[in-house]
Protein backbone atom coordinates (compact mmCIF):
# COMPACT_ATOMS: atom_id res chain seq x y z
CA MET A 1 48.68 119.67 214.48
CA VAL A 2 47.68 116.39 216.15
CA ALA A 3 44.25 115.30 214.94
CA GLU A 4 41.57 113.97 217.29
CA VAL A 5 39.46 110.83 217.06
CA ARG A 6 36.76 109.44 219.31
CA ARG A 7 36.68 106.21 221.27
CA GLY A 8 33.06 106.12 222.41
CA THR A 9 32.42 109.49 224.01
CA GLU A 10 36.09 110.04 224.79
CA LYS A 11 38.28 112.31 222.69
CA ILE A 12 41.80 111.01 222.24
CA ALA A 13 44.83 112.44 220.48
CA LYS A 14 45.60 110.86 217.16
CA ARG A 15 49.30 110.37 216.72
CA LEU A 16 50.88 111.52 213.49
CA PHE A 17 52.70 108.86 211.49
CA SER A 18 54.49 109.29 208.19
CA GLY A 19 53.67 107.15 205.18
CA PHE A 20 57.09 105.50 205.63
CA VAL A 21 55.63 103.72 208.67
CA ASN A 22 53.23 101.69 206.54
CA ASN A 23 56.07 100.18 204.49
CA PRO A 24 57.27 97.16 206.49
CA VAL A 25 60.47 96.83 204.44
CA LEU A 26 61.53 100.37 205.33
CA GLU A 27 60.04 100.50 208.83
CA ASP A 28 61.01 96.98 209.97
CA TYR A 29 58.49 97.11 212.82
CA SER A 30 60.65 99.62 214.67
CA LEU A 31 57.94 100.41 217.26
CA ARG A 32 56.28 97.02 217.44
CA TYR A 33 56.93 93.36 217.98
CA ALA A 34 57.83 91.44 214.82
CA PRO A 35 54.73 89.48 213.68
CA SER A 36 55.01 85.95 212.30
CA GLY A 37 54.04 87.11 208.81
CA PHE A 38 57.21 89.21 208.57
CA ARG A 39 59.54 86.64 210.14
CA LYS A 40 60.38 84.91 206.87
CA TRP A 41 64.02 84.02 207.61
CA SER A 42 65.25 80.64 208.86
CA GLU A 43 67.15 80.16 212.12
CA TYR A 44 70.34 79.96 210.08
CA GLY A 45 69.52 83.11 208.12
CA VAL A 46 68.83 85.16 211.26
CA ALA A 47 71.94 83.82 213.01
CA MET A 48 74.20 84.59 210.04
CA ALA A 49 72.81 88.12 209.74
CA ALA A 50 73.36 88.69 213.48
CA LEU A 51 76.87 87.26 213.49
CA GLY A 52 77.77 89.18 210.34
CA SER A 53 77.57 92.36 212.39
CA ILE A 54 80.43 91.07 214.58
CA ALA A 55 82.86 91.97 211.80
CA TYR A 56 83.60 95.27 213.49
CA MET A 57 87.13 96.50 214.13
CA ALA A 58 86.35 98.11 217.48
CA ASP A 59 87.33 94.85 219.16
CA LEU A 60 90.76 95.03 217.55
CA ALA A 61 91.15 98.70 218.47
CA ILE A 62 90.02 98.05 222.06
CA GLY A 63 92.29 95.02 222.43
CA GLY A 64 95.23 96.95 221.04
CA SER A 65 94.53 99.94 223.27
CA LEU A 66 94.26 97.73 226.37
CA ALA A 67 97.56 95.98 225.63
CA ILE A 68 99.33 99.29 225.04
CA GLN A 69 97.84 100.98 228.11
CA TYR A 70 97.83 98.08 230.60
CA GLY A 71 100.26 95.47 229.25
CA PHE A 72 99.55 91.94 227.99
CA THR A 73 98.65 90.21 231.26
CA ASN A 74 96.19 92.81 232.53
CA ALA A 75 94.63 93.15 229.08
CA PHE A 76 94.30 89.37 228.72
CA PHE A 77 92.57 88.81 232.05
CA GLY A 78 90.46 91.95 231.65
CA ILE A 79 89.17 90.77 228.26
CA PHE A 80 88.55 87.23 229.56
CA THR A 81 86.66 88.46 232.64
CA ALA A 82 84.47 90.81 230.63
CA ALA A 83 83.72 88.06 228.07
CA ILE A 84 82.40 85.70 230.77
CA ILE A 85 80.11 88.39 232.20
CA ILE A 86 78.85 89.44 228.76
CA PHE A 87 78.15 85.83 227.75
CA LEU A 88 76.19 84.99 230.91
CA THR A 89 74.12 88.20 230.84
CA GLY A 90 73.43 87.75 227.14
CA ILE A 91 71.72 84.35 227.47
CA PRO A 92 68.40 85.47 229.05
CA ILE A 93 68.16 88.57 226.87
CA ALA A 94 68.69 86.54 223.69
CA TYR A 95 66.14 83.93 224.79
CA TYR A 96 63.34 86.37 225.64
CA SER A 97 63.96 88.51 222.54
CA SER A 98 63.78 85.43 220.32
CA LYS A 99 60.79 83.86 222.05
CA TYR A 100 58.64 87.00 222.18
CA ASN A 101 60.05 88.62 219.00
CA VAL A 102 60.82 91.98 220.61
CA ASP A 103 63.81 94.27 220.39
CA VAL A 104 65.76 95.31 223.46
CA ASP A 105 63.62 98.41 223.97
CA LEU A 106 60.34 96.48 224.24
CA LEU A 107 62.14 93.85 226.31
CA THR A 108 63.38 96.51 228.72
CA ARG A 109 59.87 97.94 228.95
CA GLY A 110 58.49 94.60 230.13
CA ALA A 111 61.46 93.67 232.33
CA GLY A 112 61.00 96.12 235.17
CA PHE A 113 61.37 99.56 233.60
CA GLY A 114 57.88 100.63 232.54
CA TYR A 115 56.76 102.61 229.53
CA LEU A 116 58.70 105.85 230.07
CA GLY A 117 61.44 104.17 232.09
CA SER A 118 62.51 102.25 229.01
CA THR A 119 62.55 105.54 227.09
CA ILE A 120 65.66 106.54 229.05
CA THR A 121 67.34 103.26 228.18
CA SER A 122 66.57 103.94 224.51
CA VAL A 123 68.96 106.88 224.78
CA ILE A 124 71.56 104.69 226.52
CA TYR A 125 71.30 102.15 223.71
CA ALA A 126 71.26 104.82 221.01
CA SER A 127 74.44 106.22 222.58
CA PHE A 128 76.04 102.80 222.21
CA THR A 129 75.18 102.71 218.52
CA PHE A 130 76.50 106.17 217.64
CA ILE A 131 79.62 105.85 219.84
CA PHE A 132 80.56 102.63 218.11
CA PHE A 133 79.48 103.94 214.71
CA ALA A 134 81.93 106.79 215.31
CA LEU A 135 84.64 104.38 216.44
CA GLU A 136 84.15 102.08 213.45
CA GLY A 137 83.84 105.04 211.11
CA SER A 138 87.14 106.41 212.46
CA VAL A 139 88.82 103.09 211.68
CA MET A 140 87.45 103.13 208.12
CA SER A 141 88.46 106.77 207.72
CA GLN A 142 92.02 106.01 208.82
CA ALA A 143 92.16 103.42 206.04
CA PHE A 144 90.69 105.87 203.49
CA THR A 145 93.25 108.51 204.40
CA LEU A 146 96.18 106.11 204.33
CA PHE A 147 95.12 104.43 201.08
CA PHE A 148 93.84 107.43 199.07
CA GLY A 149 95.74 110.26 200.75
CA ILE A 150 92.64 112.38 201.37
CA PRO A 151 92.23 114.55 204.51
CA ILE A 152 90.86 112.67 207.51
CA ALA A 153 87.94 115.12 207.89
CA ILE A 154 86.77 114.24 204.37
CA SER A 155 87.27 110.55 205.08
CA TYR A 156 84.93 110.83 208.06
CA ILE A 157 82.18 112.21 205.82
CA ILE A 158 82.65 109.50 203.18
CA SER A 159 82.66 106.74 205.82
CA SER A 160 79.35 108.03 207.15
CA LEU A 161 77.48 108.66 203.91
CA ILE A 162 78.20 105.31 202.25
CA ILE A 163 76.39 103.48 205.06
CA ILE A 164 73.02 105.25 204.71
CA PRO A 165 71.73 103.62 201.46
CA LEU A 166 72.42 100.14 202.85
CA VAL A 167 70.40 100.73 206.03
CA VAL A 168 67.26 102.20 204.49
CA PHE A 169 65.80 98.79 203.58
CA GLY A 170 66.33 97.30 207.05
CA MET A 171 66.62 93.58 207.70
CA THR A 172 65.79 92.74 204.08
CA ALA A 173 68.99 94.39 202.84
CA LEU A 174 71.12 93.72 205.91
CA SER A 175 70.61 89.97 205.80
CA ALA A 176 71.79 89.90 202.18
CA VAL A 177 74.84 92.10 202.86
CA GLN A 178 75.95 89.99 205.81
CA LYS A 179 75.30 86.65 204.10
CA TRP A 180 77.31 87.31 200.95
CA THR A 181 80.26 89.08 202.60
CA ASN A 182 80.79 86.63 205.49
CA PRO A 183 82.97 84.05 203.59
CA ILE A 184 85.29 86.74 202.19
CA TRP A 185 85.55 88.47 205.54
CA ILE A 186 86.41 85.26 207.41
CA SER A 187 89.18 84.45 204.93
CA LEU A 188 90.77 87.90 205.18
CA PHE A 189 90.38 87.78 208.96
CA ILE A 190 92.30 84.52 209.38
CA ILE A 191 95.04 84.76 206.73
CA PRO A 192 97.27 87.40 208.44
CA ILE A 193 97.23 85.63 211.82
CA ALA A 194 97.99 82.27 210.24
CA ALA A 195 100.85 83.76 208.18
CA ILE A 196 102.41 85.42 211.23
CA LEU A 197 102.26 82.26 213.34
CA ILE A 198 103.65 80.08 210.54
CA LYS A 199 106.48 82.39 209.50
CA ASP A 200 107.45 83.74 212.91
CA PRO A 201 106.24 81.67 215.90
CA GLN A 202 108.38 83.81 218.21
CA THR A 203 105.80 86.59 217.87
CA VAL A 204 103.74 84.77 220.52
CA ALA A 205 106.54 85.29 223.04
CA THR A 206 106.80 88.93 221.94
CA TRP A 207 103.08 89.33 222.61
CA ILE A 208 103.14 87.68 226.05
CA HIS A 209 106.00 89.93 227.16
CA PHE A 210 104.52 93.09 225.67
CA GLY A 211 104.21 95.81 228.31
CA GLY A 212 103.23 98.82 226.18
CA LYS A 213 103.03 101.90 228.39
CA SER A 214 101.80 99.96 231.44
CA PRO A 215 103.31 100.89 234.85
CA SER A 216 103.48 97.17 235.60
CA GLY A 217 104.98 96.25 232.23
CA ALA A 218 103.74 92.83 231.14
CA GLY A 219 103.08 91.83 234.78
CA PHE A 220 99.77 91.58 236.62
CA ASP A 221 98.29 94.48 238.58
CA PRO A 222 94.77 94.08 240.05
CA LEU A 223 93.89 97.75 239.58
CA LEU A 224 94.95 97.72 235.94
CA TRP A 225 93.11 94.43 235.40
CA GLY A 226 89.91 96.01 236.79
CA SER A 227 90.29 99.05 234.56
CA ALA A 228 90.89 96.87 231.50
CA ALA A 229 87.83 94.74 232.27
CA GLY A 230 85.73 97.88 232.76
CA ILE A 231 86.61 99.17 229.30
CA ALA A 232 85.93 95.77 227.71
CA LEU A 233 82.57 95.66 229.51
CA SER A 234 81.44 98.69 227.51
CA LEU A 235 80.61 96.12 224.82
CA ILE A 236 77.92 94.56 227.02
CA ALA A 237 75.25 96.59 225.22
CA GLN A 238 76.13 94.78 221.98
CA ILE A 239 73.49 92.22 222.97
CA GLY A 240 70.94 94.91 222.05
CA GLU A 241 72.12 94.88 218.44
CA GLN A 242 72.00 91.07 218.46
CA ALA A 243 68.41 91.28 219.75
CA ASP A 244 67.51 93.56 216.84
CA TYR A 245 68.18 90.54 214.61
CA LEU A 246 67.01 87.81 217.00
CA ARG A 247 63.49 89.28 217.15
CA PHE A 248 63.03 87.88 213.63
CA MET A 249 63.76 84.33 214.80
CA PRO A 250 61.03 81.89 213.66
CA LYS A 251 58.83 80.08 216.15
CA ILE A 252 60.35 77.10 217.95
CA LYS A 253 59.55 73.82 216.18
CA PRO A 254 59.14 70.98 218.72
CA ALA A 255 61.06 68.57 216.51
CA LYS A 256 63.98 70.97 216.04
CA LYS A 257 64.35 72.75 219.37
CA TRP A 258 68.09 72.17 219.29
CA LYS A 259 68.39 74.09 216.03
CA TRP A 260 66.51 77.07 217.45
CA TRP A 261 68.51 77.07 220.65
CA PHE A 262 71.83 76.72 218.83
CA ALA A 263 70.99 79.69 216.61
CA VAL A 264 69.85 81.82 219.56
CA LEU A 265 72.94 81.08 221.66
CA ALA A 266 75.34 81.48 218.74
CA ALA A 267 73.84 84.74 217.48
CA GLY A 268 73.03 86.09 220.96
CA PRO A 269 75.65 85.68 223.71
CA GLY A 270 77.85 83.74 221.28
CA TRP A 271 78.95 86.98 219.65
CA VAL A 272 81.35 87.58 222.54
CA VAL A 273 83.33 84.42 221.78
CA LEU A 274 84.37 85.94 218.47
CA GLY A 275 84.46 89.41 220.04
CA ALA A 276 86.89 88.43 222.82
CA THR A 277 89.01 86.51 220.31
CA LYS A 278 89.25 89.63 218.18
CA GLN A 279 90.22 91.74 221.18
CA LEU A 280 93.04 89.32 221.95
CA MET A 281 94.01 89.42 218.28
CA GLY A 282 94.06 93.20 218.50
CA SER A 283 96.46 93.06 221.44
CA PHE A 284 98.59 90.53 219.52
CA LEU A 285 98.68 92.52 216.29
CA SER A 286 99.39 95.80 218.08
CA SER A 287 102.41 94.23 219.78
CA ILE A 288 103.66 92.97 216.39
CA ALA A 289 103.03 96.33 214.74
CA ALA A 290 104.97 98.06 217.53
CA THR A 291 107.95 95.74 217.06
CA HIS A 292 107.91 96.56 213.34
CA GLY A 293 108.34 100.27 214.01
CA THR A 294 104.75 101.49 214.25
CA PRO A 295 104.56 104.16 217.00
CA LEU A 296 102.54 103.10 220.06
CA ALA A 297 100.15 105.97 219.38
CA LYS A 298 99.28 104.34 216.02
CA ALA A 299 99.72 100.66 216.91
CA ASN A 300 96.11 100.39 218.13
CA GLU A 301 94.73 101.41 214.72
CA PRO A 302 93.49 98.30 212.86
CA ILE A 303 94.75 99.54 209.50
CA HIS A 304 98.34 99.47 210.78
CA MET A 305 97.75 96.10 212.49
CA TYR A 306 96.59 94.50 209.24
CA ILE A 307 99.22 96.12 207.06
CA THR A 308 101.75 94.40 209.32
CA GLY A 309 99.76 91.14 209.28
CA PHE A 310 99.24 90.98 205.51
CA GLY A 311 102.91 91.88 205.12
CA TYR A 312 103.73 88.36 206.30
CA ALA A 313 101.40 86.75 203.74
CA PHE A 314 101.41 89.08 200.71
CA PRO A 315 104.09 91.77 201.15
CA ALA A 316 103.46 93.40 197.77
CA ALA A 317 99.73 93.77 198.35
CA ALA A 318 99.64 94.32 202.12
CA LEU A 319 98.20 97.84 201.99
CA ILE A 320 95.55 96.96 199.39
CA LEU A 321 94.38 93.82 201.23
CA ALA A 322 94.36 95.60 204.59
CA ALA A 323 92.29 98.43 203.13
CA ILE A 324 89.78 96.02 201.51
CA PHE A 325 89.43 94.11 204.77
CA ILE A 326 88.91 97.26 206.82
CA PHE A 327 86.38 98.71 204.36
CA MET A 328 84.36 95.48 204.30
CA SER A 329 84.47 95.07 208.08
CA GLN A 330 83.35 98.59 208.77
CA ILE A 331 80.47 98.46 206.30
CA LYS A 332 79.27 95.18 207.85
CA ILE A 333 79.15 96.60 211.36
CA ASN A 334 78.14 100.19 210.71
CA VAL A 335 75.02 99.17 208.82
CA THR A 336 74.03 97.44 212.08
CA ASN A 337 74.98 100.44 214.24
CA ALA A 338 72.98 102.78 212.04
CA TYR A 339 70.04 100.36 211.88
CA SER A 340 69.89 99.72 215.63
CA GLY A 341 70.28 103.43 216.34
CA SER A 342 67.32 104.21 214.08
CA LEU A 343 65.20 101.76 216.09
CA SER A 344 66.19 103.33 219.41
CA TRP A 345 65.60 106.91 218.30
CA SER A 346 62.24 105.88 216.81
CA ASN A 347 61.13 104.53 220.17
CA PHE A 348 62.50 107.50 222.10
CA PHE A 349 61.01 110.32 220.02
CA SER A 350 57.68 108.64 219.29
CA ARG A 351 57.00 108.49 223.02
CA LEU A 352 58.08 112.05 223.71
CA THR A 353 56.44 113.75 220.74
CA HIS A 354 53.63 111.31 219.80
CA ARG A 355 54.81 111.66 216.21
CA HIS A 356 56.73 109.17 214.15
CA PRO A 357 58.15 110.25 210.78
CA GLY A 358 59.49 106.73 210.19
CA ARG A 359 62.61 104.79 211.14
CA VAL A 360 64.41 105.95 208.00
CA ILE A 361 64.49 109.57 209.21
CA TYR A 362 66.37 108.61 212.36
CA ILE A 363 69.12 106.94 210.38
CA PHE A 364 70.27 110.44 209.44
CA LEU A 365 70.13 111.61 213.08
CA ASN A 366 72.22 108.70 214.33
CA VAL A 367 74.78 108.99 211.56
CA GLY A 368 74.95 112.78 212.04
CA ILE A 369 75.78 112.46 215.75
CA ALA A 370 78.41 109.83 214.98
CA LEU A 371 79.97 112.07 212.32
CA ALA A 372 80.23 114.92 214.84
CA LEU A 373 82.06 112.58 217.25
CA MET A 374 84.43 111.50 214.51
CA GLU A 375 85.22 115.07 213.54
CA GLY A 376 85.90 115.70 217.25
CA ASN A 377 88.55 112.94 217.17
CA MET A 378 86.88 110.67 219.73
CA PHE A 379 89.33 107.89 218.80
CA SER A 380 92.07 109.69 220.74
CA VAL A 381 90.11 109.44 224.02
CA LEU A 382 88.69 105.97 223.36
CA GLY A 383 89.49 104.46 226.77
CA THR A 384 87.93 107.31 228.75
CA ILE A 385 84.71 107.34 226.73
CA LEU A 386 84.24 103.57 226.89
CA GLY A 387 85.20 103.37 230.57
CA PHE A 388 82.59 105.97 231.48
CA TYR A 389 79.90 104.53 229.21
CA SER A 390 80.35 101.00 230.54
CA ASN A 391 79.09 102.02 233.99
CA VAL A 392 75.67 103.05 232.70
CA ALA A 393 75.44 100.21 230.15
CA VAL A 394 76.35 97.56 232.72
CA ALA A 395 73.79 98.96 235.19
CA TRP A 396 71.08 98.80 232.52
CA ILE A 397 71.87 95.24 231.41
CA GLY A 398 72.34 94.07 235.00
CA ALA A 399 68.86 95.30 235.96
CA ILE A 400 67.25 93.61 232.93
CA VAL A 401 68.99 90.29 233.58
CA ALA A 402 68.04 90.32 237.27
CA ASP A 403 64.38 90.70 236.28
CA LEU A 404 64.57 87.92 233.69
CA VAL A 405 66.40 85.36 235.84
CA ILE A 406 65.27 86.23 239.39
CA ASN A 407 62.11 88.36 239.48
CA LYS A 408 60.22 86.36 236.83
CA PRO A 409 61.05 82.66 237.44
CA LEU A 410 62.11 82.67 241.10
CA LEU A 411 60.25 85.46 242.90
CA LYS A 412 57.32 85.36 240.44
CA LEU A 413 56.76 89.06 241.09
CA SER A 414 57.34 89.95 237.45
CA PRO A 415 54.98 88.57 234.74
CA SER A 416 56.32 85.38 233.16
CA TYR A 417 55.92 86.93 229.68
CA ILE A 418 57.12 90.24 228.23
CA GLU A 419 54.31 92.79 228.53
CA PHE A 420 55.13 95.76 226.32
CA LYS A 421 51.74 97.33 225.56
CA ARG A 422 51.39 100.96 226.59
CA ALA A 423 47.88 100.46 227.96
CA HIS A 424 48.98 97.84 230.47
CA LEU A 425 52.12 99.47 231.85
CA TYR A 426 52.96 102.08 234.43
CA ASN A 427 55.09 104.94 233.20
CA PHE A 428 57.88 104.03 235.60
CA ASN A 429 58.58 100.76 237.37
CA PRO A 430 60.98 101.37 240.27
CA VAL A 431 62.25 97.78 240.09
CA GLY A 432 64.41 97.99 236.99
CA PHE A 433 64.51 101.73 236.48
CA GLY A 434 65.34 102.47 240.11
CA ALA A 435 68.01 99.77 240.26
CA MET A 436 69.65 101.12 237.10
CA VAL A 437 69.62 104.75 238.23
CA ILE A 438 71.09 104.01 241.67
CA ALA A 439 73.74 101.67 240.25
CA SER A 440 74.68 104.20 237.55
CA ILE A 441 75.06 107.11 239.97
CA VAL A 442 77.19 105.16 242.43
CA SER A 443 79.40 103.55 239.77
CA VAL A 444 79.96 106.79 237.83
CA ALA A 445 80.97 108.48 241.11
CA ALA A 446 83.38 105.59 241.67
CA PHE A 447 84.73 105.96 238.13
CA PHE A 448 85.61 109.58 238.84
CA GLY A 449 87.49 108.64 242.02
CA ALA A 450 84.89 109.19 244.76
CA PHE A 451 85.80 105.88 246.41
CA GLY A 452 89.51 105.80 245.80
CA PRO A 453 91.64 103.93 243.24
CA TRP A 454 89.96 100.56 243.85
CA GLY A 455 86.51 102.00 243.29
CA GLU A 456 87.74 103.77 240.16
CA SER A 457 89.19 100.57 238.69
CA PHE A 458 86.21 98.37 239.55
CA SER A 459 83.40 100.87 238.94
CA ALA A 460 81.79 98.67 236.24
CA PHE A 461 81.70 95.75 238.67
CA ILE A 462 80.04 98.00 241.25
CA ALA A 463 77.39 98.89 238.66
CA LEU A 464 76.71 95.22 237.88
CA PHE A 465 76.53 94.15 241.52
CA LEU A 466 74.22 96.99 242.59
CA ALA A 467 71.85 96.66 239.62
CA PHE A 468 71.63 92.88 239.95
CA THR A 469 70.93 92.94 243.69
CA LEU A 470 68.76 96.05 243.89
CA SER A 471 66.28 94.83 241.25
CA PRO A 472 64.94 91.85 243.27
CA ILE A 473 65.15 93.84 246.52
CA ILE A 474 62.97 96.63 245.10
CA ALA A 475 60.62 94.04 243.56
CA ILE A 476 60.12 92.48 247.00
CA MET A 477 59.67 95.88 248.67
CA THR A 478 57.05 96.97 246.12
CA LYS A 479 55.52 93.45 245.88
CA GLY A 480 55.70 93.73 242.11
CA LYS A 481 52.74 96.13 241.97
CA TYR A 482 54.28 98.40 239.32
CA TYR A 483 54.65 95.80 236.55
CA ILE A 484 51.07 95.68 235.28
CA ALA A 485 48.71 98.65 235.41
CA ARG A 486 45.67 96.58 234.37
CA ASP A 487 44.95 93.00 233.38
CA PRO A 488 45.92 92.21 229.79
CA HIS A 489 43.76 89.83 227.79
CA TYR A 490 46.32 89.73 225.02
CA HIS A 491 50.08 89.62 225.49
CA ALA A 492 53.19 88.78 223.54
CA GLY A 493 53.04 85.20 222.33
CA THR A 494 49.25 85.06 221.97
CA HIS A 495 47.23 85.40 218.77
CA HIS A 496 47.02 88.93 217.36
CA ASP A 497 44.50 90.18 214.81
CA VAL A 498 45.19 92.86 212.20
CA LEU A 499 42.92 95.92 212.33
CA THR A 500 43.08 99.53 211.23
CA CYS A 501 44.59 101.50 214.09
CA VAL A 502 42.76 104.67 215.15
CA SER A 503 46.05 106.28 216.27
CA CYS A 504 48.02 106.06 213.06
CA GLY A 505 45.42 105.11 210.45
CA PHE A 506 47.38 102.12 209.16
CA GLU A 507 46.80 98.39 209.53
CA CYS A 508 48.42 97.27 212.78
CA VAL A 509 48.60 94.16 214.89
CA PHE A 510 45.75 94.32 217.40
CA ARG A 511 46.85 93.70 220.96
CA GLY A 512 43.70 93.91 223.01
CA ILE A 513 42.71 97.60 222.94
CA VAL A 514 41.78 99.22 219.64
CA GLY A 515 44.01 102.13 218.77
CA THR A 516 46.95 101.30 221.00
CA HIS A 517 50.38 100.62 219.64
CA SER A 518 53.18 98.99 221.53
CA VAL A 519 54.41 102.59 221.73
């Protein structure tokens, strides 16, 4: 039962919080902004932890799938186009997350969506984390099955369970895992490519002329290029996982602004430089694997790519090295997927139920959903899932970016800072939330063929265009009246005191109204 407390003569509901919530190492400020006292990592430390999560194999699988399905040329230009869009949209999100020390949920809340409006986007973001956890877990499971000979269904369970202990201790454990595995991972990442290019330079020509199953072969087709870019754009929500690390960025030091900015850009939008490179490597390695006899249906699996690659460098140990590399890569990324998913579910359920058992509990929920997807063999319909998901993800990110780069600095209809406090927000702000919903509906309809083959191929671009243009239009129409429900005396970036909160009973950062959380 929810207990009651009094504020003056008013009875208010006291939210129920588990004891886990009062342990900052376990909880990692999942519902709140990250206070300066907890931000103990350097710019370098935060950046390395954030970039360590880019070790995932989904890029390789996506790149290989695109090359097989659409041919080299369409895959190449699709990946390149998506990378430019992801980089540009990632800059403002990375900056605001780092400056105001908020995750992507609190950022969304203050960037035109409102308190409950951002709750919907928590589900969108949580979906990203468990879809890609399932994808990465499938890749690890394929390696387990090939290396140990165990059934794939058992491999899925093992790949899921081994992640949980590493995620329980949040950023404290994740930063250590990423830091110490990065040098080994980089070495294993580069060696196969270097060996292939040194021993057989002709493989580049093989790659460029690789047509896979594409109707246009290795040639260019605008519709196939649009479809390839749409699938690659499903990774646009990765900036949310980068923000989960960037919120721990230390305060800007006037004498070392360049260091702060370099870390933010490298760990924020900079992830896509490595990500796009890995997608191209995936298309390259899948073409080489196919020429070495791997069936096209298996050539997009990273384990087969790297068995072929390590075969050029260390033929006798190719399987062992490929398995080690895959296991390490998947652990590095899936700890981030599970961690970010726990943050999103914490925000979503705490607002719906007014109870918060602690971030740790939601790790099990996120991993459980991902395991169900793996057991359902989601890897076999990878392109369809990512193509559909990208429409909603692109609409969400497009609406946020429009608010950050147009509504705030140019129109000045949105507050210049990120206001995330419950007491000062409307439940729904039609600016961001409305733009996202309209863009999502139209683009998903296009994806399913409502506007013909061109609309189907370029549905993700439709989502981006509509979200980015509708946000400032709605802001002008509403005159920005739905951003702030009442004047805040405290906001992100100002001094915050620590008091005992009347909602949860624990010591919390005070943000202007006693007893109110950011949730």
